[in-house]
Amino acid sequence: YSLRTSYSIALVDDTDLEYYGTSTAEATLFNSKETGYFRKYSN
Protein backbone atom coordinates (compact mmCIF):
# COMPACT_ATOMS: atom_id res chain seq x y z
CA TYR A 1 0.00 0.00 0.00
CA SER A 2 1.04 3.62 -0.39
CA LEU A 3 3.05 5.44 2.24
CA ARG A 4 0.07 7.67 2.98
CA THR A 5 -2.15 4.65 3.46
CA SER A 6 0.33 2.83 5.71
CA TYR A 7 0.88 5.86 7.96
CA SER A 8 -2.82 6.76 8.10
CA ILE A 9 -4.48 3.40 8.80
CA ALA A 10 -3.49 -0.09 9.93
CA LEU A 11 -4.54 -2.90 7.55
CA VAL A 12 -4.19 -6.58 8.38
CA ASP A 13 -2.26 -7.41 5.20
CA ASP A 14 0.08 -4.40 5.28
CA THR A 15 3.42 -6.05 5.89
CA ASP A 16 5.54 -3.01 5.10
CA LEU A 17 5.14 -0.90 8.24
CA GLU A 18 5.31 -2.28 11.75
CA TYR A 19 2.47 -1.76 14.20
CA TYR A 20 3.31 -1.72 17.91
CA GLY A 21 6.64 -3.44 17.24
CA THR A 22 5.32 -6.27 15.09
CA SER A 23 3.15 -6.86 12.03
CA THR A 24 -0.37 -5.46 11.96
CA ALA A 25 -1.80 -8.99 11.76
CA GLU A 26 0.10 -10.08 14.86
CA ALA A 27 -0.47 -6.86 16.84
CA THR A 28 -4.25 -7.25 17.10
CA LEU A 29 -7.02 -9.69 16.29
CA PHE A 30 -8.95 -7.65 13.70
CA ASN A 31 -12.12 -9.27 15.03
CA SER A 32 -15.78 -8.15 15.01
CA LYS A 33 -15.61 -7.33 11.28
CA GLU A 34 -13.00 -4.65 11.94
CA THR A 35 -10.98 -4.28 8.76
CA GLY A 36 -8.86 -1.22 9.52
CA TYR A 37 -7.84 1.16 12.29
CA PHE A 38 -6.59 4.73 12.36
CA ARG A 39 -2.91 5.06 13.20
CA LYS A 40 -3.23 8.80 13.82
CA TYR A 41 -3.05 9.79 17.49
CA SER A 42 -1.92 6.32 18.60
CA ASN A 43 1.52 5.46 20.00
PDB file of all heavy atoms in Angstrom:
ATOM      1  N   TYR A   1       0.841  -1.189   0.000  1.00  0.00           N
ATOM      2  CA  TYR A   1       0.000   0.000   0.000  1.00  0.00           C
ATOM      3  C   TYR A   1       0.883   1.248   0.000  1.00  0.00           C
ATOM      4  O   TYR A   1       2.071   1.190   0.325  1.00  0.00           O
ATOM      5  CB  TYR A   1      -0.922   0.017   1.221  1.00  0.00           C
ATOM      6  CG  TYR A   1      -1.888  -1.138   1.269  1.00  0.00           C
ATOM      7  CD1 TYR A   1      -1.761  -2.153   2.226  1.00  0.00           C
ATOM      8  CD2 TYR A   1      -2.929  -1.239   0.351  1.00  0.00           C
ATOM      9  CE1 TYR A   1      -2.648  -3.216   2.277  1.00  0.00           C
ATOM     10  CE2 TYR A   1      -3.821  -2.302   0.385  1.00  0.00           C
ATOM     11  CZ  TYR A   1      -3.662  -3.294   1.345  1.00  0.00           C
ATOM     12  OH  TYR A   1      -4.536  -4.354   1.380  1.00  0.00           O
ATOM     13  N   SER A   2       0.287   2.374  -0.330  1.00  0.00           N
ATOM     14  CA  SER A   2       1.042   3.617  -0.393  1.00  0.00           C
ATOM     15  C   SER A   2       1.541   4.039   0.979  1.00  0.00           C
ATOM     16  O   SER A   2       1.026   3.604   2.016  1.00  0.00           O
ATOM     17  CB  SER A   2       0.165   4.736  -0.975  1.00  0.00           C
ATOM     18  OG  SER A   2      -0.801   5.155  -0.027  1.00  0.00           O
ATOM     19  N   LEU A   3       2.522   4.905   0.985  1.00  0.00           N
ATOM     20  CA  LEU A   3       3.045   5.440   2.239  1.00  0.00           C
ATOM     21  C   LEU A   3       1.956   6.186   3.004  1.00  0.00           C
ATOM     22  O   LEU A   3       1.848   6.074   4.229  1.00  0.00           O
ATOM     23  CB  LEU A   3       4.227   6.367   1.960  1.00  0.00           C
ATOM     24  CG  LEU A   3       5.513   5.691   1.492  1.00  0.00           C
ATOM     25  CD1 LEU A   3       6.482   6.716   0.915  1.00  0.00           C
ATOM     26  CD2 LEU A   3       6.164   4.928   2.644  1.00  0.00           C
ATOM     27  N   ARG A   4       1.141   6.941   2.295  1.00  0.00           N
ATOM     28  CA  ARG A   4       0.066   7.673   2.978  1.00  0.00           C
ATOM     29  C   ARG A   4      -0.921   6.708   3.618  1.00  0.00           C
ATOM     30  O   ARG A   4      -1.368   6.921   4.749  1.00  0.00           O
ATOM     31  CB  ARG A   4      -0.663   8.612   2.016  1.00  0.00           C
ATOM     32  CG  ARG A   4      -1.808   9.367   2.679  1.00  0.00           C
ATOM     33  CD  ARG A   4      -2.271  10.565   1.883  1.00  0.00           C
ATOM     34  NE  ARG A   4      -2.990  10.209   0.674  1.00  0.00           N
ATOM     35  CZ  ARG A   4      -3.473  11.088  -0.198  1.00  0.00           C
ATOM     36  NH1 ARG A   4      -3.265  12.380  -0.002  1.00  0.00           N
ATOM     37  NH2 ARG A   4      -4.116  10.713  -1.277  1.00  0.00           N
ATOM     38  N   THR A   5      -1.231   5.642   2.906  1.00  0.00           N
ATOM     39  CA  THR A   5      -2.146   4.653   3.459  1.00  0.00           C
ATOM     40  C   THR A   5      -1.552   3.984   4.698  1.00  0.00           C
ATOM     41  O   THR A   5      -2.201   3.878   5.742  1.00  0.00           O
ATOM     42  CB  THR A   5      -2.492   3.596   2.401  1.00  0.00           C
ATOM     43  OG1 THR A   5      -3.211   4.220   1.335  1.00  0.00           O
ATOM     44  CG2 THR A   5      -3.315   2.466   2.985  1.00  0.00           C
ATOM     45  N   SER A   6      -0.301   3.548   4.591  1.00  0.00           N
ATOM     46  CA  SER A   6       0.329   2.831   5.707  1.00  0.00           C
ATOM     47  C   SER A   6       0.437   3.695   6.950  1.00  0.00           C
ATOM     48  O   SER A   6       0.260   3.203   8.076  1.00  0.00           O
ATOM     49  CB  SER A   6       1.720   2.338   5.295  1.00  0.00           C
ATOM     50  OG  SER A   6       1.631   1.286   4.364  1.00  0.00           O
ATOM     51  N   TYR A   7       0.743   4.986   6.792  1.00  0.00           N
ATOM     52  CA  TYR A   7       0.880   5.860   7.956  1.00  0.00           C
ATOM     53  C   TYR A   7      -0.469   6.365   8.477  1.00  0.00           C
ATOM     54  O   TYR A   7      -0.548   6.821   9.617  1.00  0.00           O
ATOM     55  CB  TYR A   7       1.773   7.054   7.628  1.00  0.00           C
ATOM     56  CG  TYR A   7       3.246   6.729   7.705  1.00  0.00           C
ATOM     57  CD1 TYR A   7       4.013   6.603   6.557  1.00  0.00           C
ATOM     58  CD2 TYR A   7       3.869   6.530   8.930  1.00  0.00           C
ATOM     59  CE1 TYR A   7       5.372   6.291   6.625  1.00  0.00           C
ATOM     60  CE2 TYR A   7       5.212   6.216   9.013  1.00  0.00           C
ATOM     61  CZ  TYR A   7       5.961   6.102   7.862  1.00  0.00           C
ATOM     62  OH  TYR A   7       7.293   5.792   7.939  1.00  0.00           O
ATOM     63  N   SER A   8      -1.511   6.254   7.681  1.00  0.00           N
ATOM     64  CA  SER A   8      -2.818   6.757   8.096  1.00  0.00           C
ATOM     65  C   SER A   8      -3.661   5.690   8.776  1.00  0.00           C
ATOM     66  O   SER A   8      -4.330   5.960   9.784  1.00  0.00           O
ATOM     67  CB  SER A   8      -3.584   7.318   6.890  1.00  0.00           C
ATOM     68  OG  SER A   8      -2.902   8.426   6.332  1.00  0.00           O
ATOM     69  N   ILE A   9      -3.660   4.465   8.222  1.00  0.00           N
ATOM     70  CA  ILE A   9      -4.482   3.403   8.797  1.00  0.00           C
ATOM     71  C   ILE A   9      -3.682   2.107   8.874  1.00  0.00           C
ATOM     72  O   ILE A   9      -2.719   1.900   8.132  1.00  0.00           O
ATOM     73  CB  ILE A   9      -5.789   3.169   7.998  1.00  0.00           C
ATOM     74  CG1 ILE A   9      -5.489   2.684   6.574  1.00  0.00           C
ATOM     75  CG2 ILE A   9      -6.642   4.415   7.985  1.00  0.00           C
ATOM     76  CD1 ILE A   9      -6.744   2.267   5.810  1.00  0.00           C
ATOM     77  N   ALA A  10      -4.097   1.228   9.779  1.00  0.00           N
ATOM     78  CA  ALA A  10      -3.486  -0.093   9.929  1.00  0.00           C
ATOM     79  C   ALA A  10      -4.376  -1.124   9.251  1.00  0.00           C
ATOM     80  O   ALA A  10      -5.558  -1.256   9.600  1.00  0.00           O
ATOM     81  CB  ALA A  10      -3.309  -0.436  11.403  1.00  0.00           C
ATOM     82  N   LEU A  11      -3.825  -1.846   8.272  1.00  0.00           N
ATOM     83  CA  LEU A  11      -4.537  -2.895   7.550  1.00  0.00           C
ATOM     84  C   LEU A  11      -3.892  -4.237   7.857  1.00  0.00           C
ATOM     85  O   LEU A  11      -2.666  -4.333   7.975  1.00  0.00           O
ATOM     86  CB  LEU A  11      -4.501  -2.630   6.047  1.00  0.00           C
ATOM     87  CG  LEU A  11      -5.184  -1.332   5.584  1.00  0.00           C
ATOM     88  CD1 LEU A  11      -4.842  -1.034   4.137  1.00  0.00           C
ATOM     89  CD2 LEU A  11      -6.693  -1.429   5.770  1.00  0.00           C
ATOM     90  N   VAL A  12      -4.695  -5.283   7.944  1.00  0.00           N
ATOM     91  CA  VAL A  12      -4.194  -6.581   8.384  1.00  0.00           C
ATOM     92  C   VAL A  12      -3.133  -7.142   7.462  1.00  0.00           C
ATOM     93  O   VAL A  12      -2.211  -7.847   7.889  1.00  0.00           O
ATOM     94  CB  VAL A  12      -5.371  -7.573   8.541  1.00  0.00           C
ATOM     95  CG1 VAL A  12      -5.960  -7.942   7.181  1.00  0.00           C
ATOM     96  CG2 VAL A  12      -4.949  -8.815   9.313  1.00  0.00           C
ATOM     97  N   ASP A  13      -3.208  -6.852   6.162  1.00  0.00           N
ATOM     98  CA  ASP A  13      -2.263  -7.412   5.200  1.00  0.00           C
ATOM     99  C   ASP A  13      -1.177  -6.420   4.777  1.00  0.00           C
ATOM    100  O   ASP A  13      -0.489  -6.636   3.783  1.00  0.00           O
ATOM    101  CB  ASP A  13      -2.997  -7.929   3.964  1.00  0.00           C
ATOM    102  CG  ASP A  13      -3.860  -6.866   3.290  1.00  0.00           C
ATOM    103  OD1 ASP A  13      -4.139  -5.828   3.938  1.00  0.00           O
ATOM    104  OD2 ASP A  13      -4.271  -7.074   2.136  1.00  0.00           O
ATOM    105  N   ASP A  14      -1.012  -5.347   5.538  1.00  0.00           N
ATOM    106  CA  ASP A  14       0.076  -4.396   5.278  1.00  0.00           C
ATOM    107  C   ASP A  14       1.316  -4.872   6.017  1.00  0.00           C
ATOM    108  O   ASP A  14       1.446  -4.695   7.226  1.00  0.00           O
ATOM    109  CB  ASP A  14      -0.323  -2.996   5.741  1.00  0.00           C
ATOM    110  CG  ASP A  14       0.710  -1.937   5.362  1.00  0.00           C
ATOM    111  OD1 ASP A  14       1.791  -2.304   4.864  1.00  0.00           O
ATOM    112  OD2 ASP A  14       0.422  -0.742   5.561  1.00  0.00           O
ATOM    113  N   THR A  15       2.221  -5.475   5.289  1.00  0.00           N
ATOM    114  CA  THR A  15       3.424  -6.053   5.894  1.00  0.00           C
ATOM    115  C   THR A  15       4.621  -5.115   5.830  1.00  0.00           C
ATOM    116  O   THR A  15       5.732  -5.513   6.204  1.00  0.00           O
ATOM    117  CB  THR A  15       3.778  -7.370   5.189  1.00  0.00           C
ATOM    118  OG1 THR A  15       3.995  -7.113   3.786  1.00  0.00           O
ATOM    119  CG2 THR A  15       2.654  -8.392   5.349  1.00  0.00           C
ATOM    120  N   ASP A  16       4.411  -3.892   5.368  1.00  0.00           N
ATOM    121  CA  ASP A  16       5.543  -3.007   5.096  1.00  0.00           C
ATOM    122  C   ASP A  16       5.786  -1.949   6.159  1.00  0.00           C
ATOM    123  O   ASP A  16       6.750  -1.199   6.075  1.00  0.00           O
ATOM    124  CB  ASP A  16       5.341  -2.318   3.738  1.00  0.00           C
ATOM    125  CG  ASP A  16       5.283  -3.318   2.599  1.00  0.00           C
ATOM    126  OD1 ASP A  16       6.029  -4.319   2.663  1.00  0.00           O
ATOM    127  OD2 ASP A  16       4.485  -3.121   1.664  1.00  0.00           O
ATOM    128  N   LEU A  17       4.933  -1.858   7.158  1.00  0.00           N
ATOM    129  CA  LEU A  17       5.143  -0.897   8.235  1.00  0.00           C
ATOM    130  C   LEU A  17       4.705  -1.545   9.538  1.00  0.00           C
ATOM    131  O   LEU A  17       3.558  -1.981   9.672  1.00  0.00           O
ATOM    132  CB  LEU A  17       4.355   0.395   7.997  1.00  0.00           C
ATOM    133  CG  LEU A  17       4.618   1.531   8.986  1.00  0.00           C
ATOM    134  CD1 LEU A  17       6.074   1.986   8.924  1.00  0.00           C
ATOM    135  CD2 LEU A  17       3.684   2.716   8.714  1.00  0.00           C
ATOM    136  N   GLU A  18       5.623  -1.626  10.482  1.00  0.00           N
ATOM    137  CA  GLU A  18       5.309  -2.277  11.753  1.00  0.00           C
ATOM    138  C   GLU A  18       4.184  -1.554  12.491  1.00  0.00           C
ATOM    139  O   GLU A  18       3.912  -0.373  12.260  1.00  0.00           O
ATOM    140  CB  GLU A  18       6.552  -2.322  12.645  1.00  0.00           C
ATOM    141  CG  GLU A  18       7.571  -3.365  12.241  1.00  0.00           C
ATOM    142  CD  GLU A  18       8.627  -3.565  13.315  1.00  0.00           C
ATOM    143  OE1 GLU A  18       8.754  -2.686  14.202  1.00  0.00           O
ATOM    144  OE2 GLU A  18       9.323  -4.597  13.274  1.00  0.00           O
ATOM    145  N   TYR A  19       3.560  -2.289  13.386  1.00  0.00           N
ATOM    146  CA  TYR A  19       2.465  -1.761  14.197  1.00  0.00           C
ATOM    147  C   TYR A  19       2.673  -2.261  15.616  1.00  0.00           C
ATOM    148  O   TYR A  19       2.596  -3.456  15.873  1.00  0.00           O
ATOM    149  CB  TYR A  19       1.135  -2.260  13.618  1.00  0.00           C
ATOM    150  CG  TYR A  19      -0.112  -1.595  14.132  1.00  0.00           C
ATOM    151  CD1 TYR A  19      -0.233  -0.206  14.172  1.00  0.00           C
ATOM    152  CD2 TYR A  19      -1.209  -2.352  14.529  1.00  0.00           C
ATOM    153  CE1 TYR A  19      -1.399   0.397  14.614  1.00  0.00           C
ATOM    154  CE2 TYR A  19      -2.387  -1.756  14.968  1.00  0.00           C
ATOM    155  CZ  TYR A  19      -2.468  -0.377  15.009  1.00  0.00           C
ATOM    156  OH  TYR A  19      -3.642   0.229  15.436  1.00  0.00           O
ATOM    157  N   TYR A  20       3.000  -1.362  16.522  1.00  0.00           N
ATOM    158  CA  TYR A  20       3.311  -1.722  17.906  1.00  0.00           C
ATOM    159  C   TYR A  20       4.416  -2.779  17.986  1.00  0.00           C
ATOM    160  O   TYR A  20       4.346  -3.734  18.735  1.00  0.00           O
ATOM    161  CB  TYR A  20       2.052  -2.207  18.630  1.00  0.00           C
ATOM    162  CG  TYR A  20       1.033  -1.110  18.840  1.00  0.00           C
ATOM    163  CD1 TYR A  20      -0.019  -0.934  17.937  1.00  0.00           C
ATOM    164  CD2 TYR A  20       1.130  -0.236  19.918  1.00  0.00           C
ATOM    165  CE1 TYR A  20      -0.947   0.085  18.112  1.00  0.00           C
ATOM    166  CE2 TYR A  20       0.201   0.779  20.103  1.00  0.00           C
ATOM    167  CZ  TYR A  20      -0.832   0.943  19.200  1.00  0.00           C
ATOM    168  OH  TYR A  20      -1.756   1.963  19.370  1.00  0.00           O
ATOM    169  N   GLY A  21       5.458  -2.602  17.171  1.00  0.00           N
ATOM    170  CA  GLY A  21       6.643  -3.441  17.240  1.00  0.00           C
ATOM    171  C   GLY A  21       6.551  -4.767  16.534  1.00  0.00           C
ATOM    172  O   GLY A  21       7.483  -5.585  16.609  1.00  0.00           O
ATOM    173  N   THR A  22       5.466  -5.017  15.814  1.00  0.00           N
ATOM    174  CA  THR A  22       5.316  -6.271  15.091  1.00  0.00           C
ATOM    175  C   THR A  22       4.486  -6.012  13.841  1.00  0.00           C
ATOM    176  O   THR A  22       4.282  -4.863  13.452  1.00  0.00           O
ATOM    177  CB  THR A  22       4.669  -7.343  15.997  1.00  0.00           C
ATOM    178  OG1 THR A  22       4.655  -8.586  15.309  1.00  0.00           O
ATOM    179  CG2 THR A  22       3.264  -6.953  16.405  1.00  0.00           C
ATOM    180  N   SER A  23       4.019  -7.053  13.187  1.00  0.00           N
ATOM    181  CA  SER A  23       3.153  -6.863  12.028  1.00  0.00           C
ATOM    182  C   SER A  23       1.759  -6.470  12.480  1.00  0.00           C
ATOM    183  O   SER A  23       1.355  -6.735  13.623  1.00  0.00           O
ATOM    184  CB  SER A  23       3.085  -8.150  11.199  1.00  0.00           C
ATOM    185  OG  SER A  23       2.404  -9.161  11.925  1.00  0.00           O
ATOM    186  N   THR A  24       1.000  -5.849  11.594  1.00  0.00           N
ATOM    187  CA  THR A  24      -0.366  -5.462  11.956  1.00  0.00           C
ATOM    188  C   THR A  24      -1.208  -6.690  12.281  1.00  0.00           C
ATOM    189  O   THR A  24      -2.020  -6.677  13.210  1.00  0.00           O
ATOM    190  CB  THR A  24      -1.031  -4.674  10.816  1.00  0.00           C
ATOM    191  OG1 THR A  24      -0.904  -5.414   9.591  1.00  0.00           O
ATOM    192  CG2 THR A  24      -0.400  -3.311  10.646  1.00  0.00           C
ATOM    193  N   ALA A  25      -1.005  -7.783  11.529  1.00  0.00           N
ATOM    194  CA  ALA A  25      -1.798  -8.990  11.760  1.00  0.00           C
ATOM    195  C   ALA A  25      -1.513  -9.604  13.118  1.00  0.00           C
ATOM    196  O   ALA A  25      -2.407 -10.165  13.760  1.00  0.00           O
ATOM    197  CB  ALA A  25      -1.526 -10.012  10.656  1.00  0.00           C
ATOM    198  N   GLU A  26      -0.263  -9.502  13.578  1.00  0.00           N
ATOM    199  CA  GLU A  26       0.101 -10.082  14.860  1.00  0.00           C
ATOM    200  C   GLU A  26      -0.212  -9.140  16.024  1.00  0.00           C
ATOM    201  O   GLU A  26      -0.417  -9.586  17.154  1.00  0.00           O
ATOM    202  CB  GLU A  26       1.583 -10.446  14.870  1.00  0.00           C
ATOM    203  CG  GLU A  26       1.988 -11.330  16.030  1.00  0.00           C
ATOM    204  CD  GLU A  26       3.341 -12.005  15.822  1.00  0.00           C
ATOM    205  OE1 GLU A  26       3.956 -11.782  14.765  1.00  0.00           O
ATOM    206  OE2 GLU A  26       3.762 -12.741  16.716  1.00  0.00           O
ATOM    207  N   ALA A  27      -0.274  -7.844  15.759  1.00  0.00           N
ATOM    208  CA  ALA A  27      -0.470  -6.864  16.836  1.00  0.00           C
ATOM    209  C   ALA A  27      -1.862  -6.924  17.426  1.00  0.00           C
ATOM    210  O   ALA A  27      -2.051  -6.673  18.623  1.00  0.00           O
ATOM    211  CB  ALA A  27      -0.180  -5.459  16.314  1.00  0.00           C
ATOM    212  N   THR A  28      -2.868  -7.256  16.610  1.00  0.00           N
ATOM    213  CA  THR A  28      -4.245  -7.252  17.105  1.00  0.00           C
ATOM    214  C   THR A  28      -5.072  -8.258  16.320  1.00  0.00           C
ATOM    215  O   THR A  28      -4.677  -8.704  15.238  1.00  0.00           O
ATOM    216  CB  THR A  28      -4.855  -5.840  16.995  1.00  0.00           C
ATOM    217  OG1 THR A  28      -6.130  -5.812  17.646  1.00  0.00           O
ATOM    218  CG2 THR A  28      -5.007  -5.406  15.549  1.00  0.00           C
ATOM    219  N   LEU A  29      -6.241  -8.588  16.841  1.00  0.00           N
ATOM    220  CA  LEU A  29      -7.025  -9.693  16.287  1.00  0.00           C
ATOM    221  C   LEU A  29      -7.823  -9.337  15.035  1.00  0.00           C
ATOM    222  O   LEU A  29      -8.220 -10.217  14.285  1.00  0.00           O
ATOM    223  CB  LEU A  29      -7.985 -10.227  17.356  1.00  0.00           C
ATOM    224  CG  LEU A  29      -7.341 -10.864  18.590  1.00  0.00           C
ATOM    225  CD1 LEU A  29      -8.414 -11.256  19.602  1.00  0.00           C
ATOM    226  CD2 LEU A  29      -6.513 -12.074  18.194  1.00  0.00           C
ATOM    227  N   PHE A  30      -8.087  -8.042  14.821  1.00  0.00           N
ATOM    228  CA  PHE A  30      -8.952  -7.647  13.704  1.00  0.00           C
ATOM    229  C   PHE A  30     -10.266  -8.442  13.747  1.00  0.00           C
ATOM    230  O   PHE A  30     -10.724  -8.981  12.734  1.00  0.00           O
ATOM    231  CB  PHE A  30      -8.252  -7.868  12.361  1.00  0.00           C
ATOM    232  CG  PHE A  30      -7.252  -6.798  12.016  1.00  0.00           C
ATOM    233  CD1 PHE A  30      -5.942  -6.904  12.443  1.00  0.00           C
ATOM    234  CD2 PHE A  30      -7.616  -5.687  11.276  1.00  0.00           C
ATOM    235  CE1 PHE A  30      -5.002  -5.917  12.129  1.00  0.00           C
ATOM    236  CE2 PHE A  30      -6.698  -4.708  10.948  1.00  0.00           C
ATOM    237  CZ  PHE A  30      -5.379  -4.818  11.391  1.00  0.00           C
ATOM    238  N   ASN A  31     -10.884  -8.511  14.921  1.00  0.00           N
ATOM    239  CA  ASN A  31     -12.124  -9.266  15.035  1.00  0.00           C
ATOM    240  C   ASN A  31     -13.329  -8.348  14.906  1.00  0.00           C
ATOM    241  O   ASN A  31     -13.199  -7.151  14.649  1.00  0.00           O
ATOM    242  CB  ASN A  31     -12.168 -10.056  16.347  1.00  0.00           C
ATOM    243  CG  ASN A  31     -11.962  -9.171  17.560  1.00  0.00           C
ATOM    244  OD1 ASN A  31     -11.961  -7.952  17.447  1.00  0.00           O
ATOM    245  ND2 ASN A  31     -11.795  -9.777  18.721  1.00  0.00           N
ATOM    246  N   SER A  32     -14.514  -8.906  15.046  1.00  0.00           N
ATOM    247  CA  SER A  32     -15.778  -8.151  15.009  1.00  0.00           C
ATOM    248  C   SER A  32     -15.953  -7.372  13.708  1.00  0.00           C
ATOM    249  O   SER A  32     -16.463  -6.254  13.707  1.00  0.00           O
ATOM    250  CB  SER A  32     -15.879  -7.205  16.220  1.00  0.00           C
ATOM    251  OG  SER A  32     -15.790  -7.922  17.425  1.00  0.00           O
ATOM    252  N   LYS A  33     -15.486  -7.960  12.611  1.00  0.00           N
ATOM    253  CA  LYS A  33     -15.607  -7.335  11.284  1.00  0.00           C
ATOM    254  C   LYS A  33     -14.893  -5.990  11.225  1.00  0.00           C
ATOM    255  O   LYS A  33     -15.320  -5.077  10.509  1.00  0.00           O
ATOM    256  CB  LYS A  33     -17.080  -7.192  10.881  1.00  0.00           C
ATOM    257  CG  LYS A  33     -17.873  -8.480  10.940  1.00  0.00           C
ATOM    258  CD  LYS A  33     -19.325  -8.237  10.570  1.00  0.00           C
ATOM    259  CE  LYS A  33     -20.148  -9.493  10.806  1.00  0.00           C
ATOM    260  NZ  LYS A  33     -20.271  -9.823  12.246  1.00  0.00           N
ATOM    261  N   GLU A  34     -13.806  -5.869  11.954  1.00  0.00           N
ATOM    262  CA  GLU A  34     -12.995  -4.653  11.943  1.00  0.00           C
ATOM    263  C   GLU A  34     -11.876  -4.851  10.928  1.00  0.00           C
ATOM    264  O   GLU A  34     -11.004  -5.700  11.095  1.00  0.00           O
ATOM    265  CB  GLU A  34     -12.446  -4.384  13.344  1.00  0.00           C
ATOM    266  CG  GLU A  34     -13.560  -4.139  14.351  1.00  0.00           C
ATOM    267  CD  GLU A  34     -13.079  -4.149  15.791  1.00  0.00           C
ATOM    268  OE1 GLU A  34     -11.859  -4.103  16.019  1.00  0.00           O
ATOM    269  OE2 GLU A  34     -13.932  -4.217  16.698  1.00  0.00           O
ATOM    270  N   THR A  35     -11.894  -4.065   9.883  1.00  0.00           N
ATOM    271  CA  THR A  35     -10.979  -4.275   8.760  1.00  0.00           C
ATOM    272  C   THR A  35      -9.939  -3.174   8.610  1.00  0.00           C
ATOM    273  O   THR A  35      -9.197  -3.150   7.625  1.00  0.00           O
ATOM    274  CB  THR A  35     -11.774  -4.401   7.452  1.00  0.00           C
ATOM    275  OG1 THR A  35     -12.550  -3.204   7.253  1.00  0.00           O
ATOM    276  CG2 THR A  35     -12.724  -5.595   7.514  1.00  0.00           C
ATOM    277  N   GLY A  36      -9.867  -2.275   9.555  1.00  0.00           N
ATOM    278  CA  GLY A  36      -8.858  -1.219   9.518  1.00  0.00           C
ATOM    279  C   GLY A  36      -8.986  -0.320  10.729  1.00  0.00           C
ATOM    280  O   GLY A  36     -10.084  -0.160  11.284  1.00  0.00           O
ATOM    281  N   TYR A  37      -7.861   0.254  11.146  1.00  0.00           N
ATOM    282  CA  TYR A  37      -7.835   1.158  12.293  1.00  0.00           C
ATOM    283  C   TYR A  37      -7.031   2.405  11.942  1.00  0.00           C
ATOM    284  O   TYR A  37      -6.082   2.348  11.154  1.00  0.00           O
ATOM    285  CB  TYR A  37      -7.189   0.484  13.508  1.00  0.00           C
ATOM    286  CG  TYR A  37      -7.821  -0.817  13.918  1.00  0.00           C
ATOM    287  CD1 TYR A  37      -7.236  -2.032  13.578  1.00  0.00           C
ATOM    288  CD2 TYR A  37      -9.014  -0.834  14.639  1.00  0.00           C
ATOM    289  CE1 TYR A  37      -7.817  -3.235  13.951  1.00  0.00           C
ATOM    290  CE2 TYR A  37      -9.605  -2.028  15.026  1.00  0.00           C
ATOM    291  CZ  TYR A  37      -9.004  -3.235  14.668  1.00  0.00           C
ATOM    292  OH  TYR A  37      -9.575  -4.418  15.030  1.00  0.00           O
ATOM    293  N   PHE A  38      -7.397   3.520  12.531  1.00  0.00           N
ATOM    294  CA  PHE A  38      -6.593   4.731  12.361  1.00  0.00           C
ATOM    295  C   PHE A  38      -5.281   4.588  13.127  1.00  0.00           C
ATOM    296  O   PHE A  38      -5.269   4.173  14.285  1.00  0.00           O
ATOM    297  CB  PHE A  38      -7.340   5.960  12.875  1.00  0.00           C
ATOM    298  CG  PHE A  38      -8.486   6.394  12.013  1.00  0.00           C
ATOM    299  CD1 PHE A  38      -9.798   6.233  12.454  1.00  0.00           C
ATOM    300  CD2 PHE A  38      -8.266   6.960  10.775  1.00  0.00           C
ATOM    301  CE1 PHE A  38     -10.865   6.636  11.675  1.00  0.00           C
ATOM    302  CE2 PHE A  38      -9.330   7.364   9.972  1.00  0.00           C
ATOM    303  CZ  PHE A  38     -10.632   7.195  10.423  1.00  0.00           C
ATOM    304  N   ARG A  39      -4.185   4.956  12.484  1.00  0.00           N
ATOM    305  CA  ARG A  39      -2.910   5.064  13.197  1.00  0.00           C
ATOM    306  C   ARG A  39      -2.765   6.430  13.863  1.00  0.00           C
ATOM    307  O   ARG A  39      -2.076   6.567  14.865  1.00  0.00           O
ATOM    308  CB  ARG A  39      -1.733   4.853  12.229  1.00  0.00           C
ATOM    309  CG  ARG A  39      -1.506   3.417  11.799  1.00  0.00           C
ATOM    310  CD  ARG A  39      -0.240   3.329  10.943  1.00  0.00           C
ATOM    311  NE  ARG A  39      -0.043   2.013  10.358  1.00  0.00           N
ATOM    312  CZ  ARG A  39       0.893   1.149  10.746  1.00  0.00           C
ATOM    313  NH1 ARG A  39       1.707   1.453  11.735  1.00  0.00           N
ATOM    314  NH2 ARG A  39       1.021  -0.014  10.142  1.00  0.00           N
ATOM    315  N   LYS A  40      -3.357   7.450  13.285  1.00  0.00           N
ATOM    316  CA  LYS A  40      -3.225   8.797  13.816  1.00  0.00           C
ATOM    317  C   LYS A  40      -3.623   8.832  15.291  1.00  0.00           C
ATOM    318  O   LYS A  40      -4.615   8.219  15.692  1.00  0.00           O
ATOM    319  CB  LYS A  40      -4.099   9.776  13.034  1.00  0.00           C
ATOM    320  CG  LYS A  40      -3.621  10.045  11.618  1.00  0.00           C
ATOM    321  CD  LYS A  40      -4.497  11.064  10.907  1.00  0.00           C
ATOM    322  CE  LYS A  40      -4.040  11.277   9.477  1.00  0.00           C
ATOM    323  NZ  LYS A  40      -4.884  12.247   8.743  1.00  0.00           N
ATOM    324  N   TYR A  41      -2.846   9.563  16.061  1.00  0.00           N
ATOM    325  CA  TYR A  41      -3.048   9.794  17.493  1.00  0.00           C
ATOM    326  C   TYR A  41      -2.677   8.602  18.373  1.00  0.00           C
ATOM    327  O   TYR A  41      -2.700   8.709  19.595  1.00  0.00           O
ATOM    328  CB  TYR A  41      -4.492  10.230  17.804  1.00  0.00           C
ATOM    329  CG  TYR A  41      -4.942  11.410  17.002  1.00  0.00           C
ATOM    330  CD1 TYR A  41      -6.048  11.335  16.162  1.00  0.00           C
ATOM    331  CD2 TYR A  41      -4.254  12.618  17.053  1.00  0.00           C
ATOM    332  CE1 TYR A  41      -6.457  12.422  15.405  1.00  0.00           C
ATOM    333  CE2 TYR A  41      -4.652  13.709  16.303  1.00  0.00           C
ATOM    334  CZ  TYR A  41      -5.758  13.609  15.471  1.00  0.00           C
ATOM    335  OH  TYR A  41      -6.157  14.680  14.727  1.00  0.00           O
ATOM    336  N   SER A  42      -2.341   7.458  17.785  1.00  0.00           N
ATOM    337  CA  SER A  42      -1.916   6.318  18.599  1.00  0.00           C
ATOM    338  C   SER A  42      -0.398   6.332  18.751  1.00  0.00           C
ATOM    339  O   SER A  42       0.320   7.017  18.024  1.00  0.00           O
ATOM    340  CB  SER A  42      -2.373   5.006  17.970  1.00  0.00           C
ATOM    341  OG  SER A  42      -1.699   4.749  16.753  1.00  0.00           O
ATOM    342  N   ASN A  43       0.088   5.536  19.705  1.00  0.00           N
ATOM    343  CA  ASN A  43       1.523   5.463  19.996  1.00  0.00           C
ATOM    344  C   ASN A  43       2.144   4.192  19.421  1.00  0.00           C
ATOM    345  O   ASN A  43       3.053   3.614  20.005  1.00  0.00           O
ATOM    346  CB  ASN A  43       1.740   5.529  21.508  1.00  0.00           C
ATOM    347  CG  ASN A  43       1.349   6.872  22.092  1.00  0.00           C
ATOM    348  OD1 ASN A  43       2.069   7.853  22.000  1.00  0.00           O
ATOM    349  ND2 ASN A  43       0.165   6.917  22.694  1.00  0.00           N
TER     350      ASN A  43
END
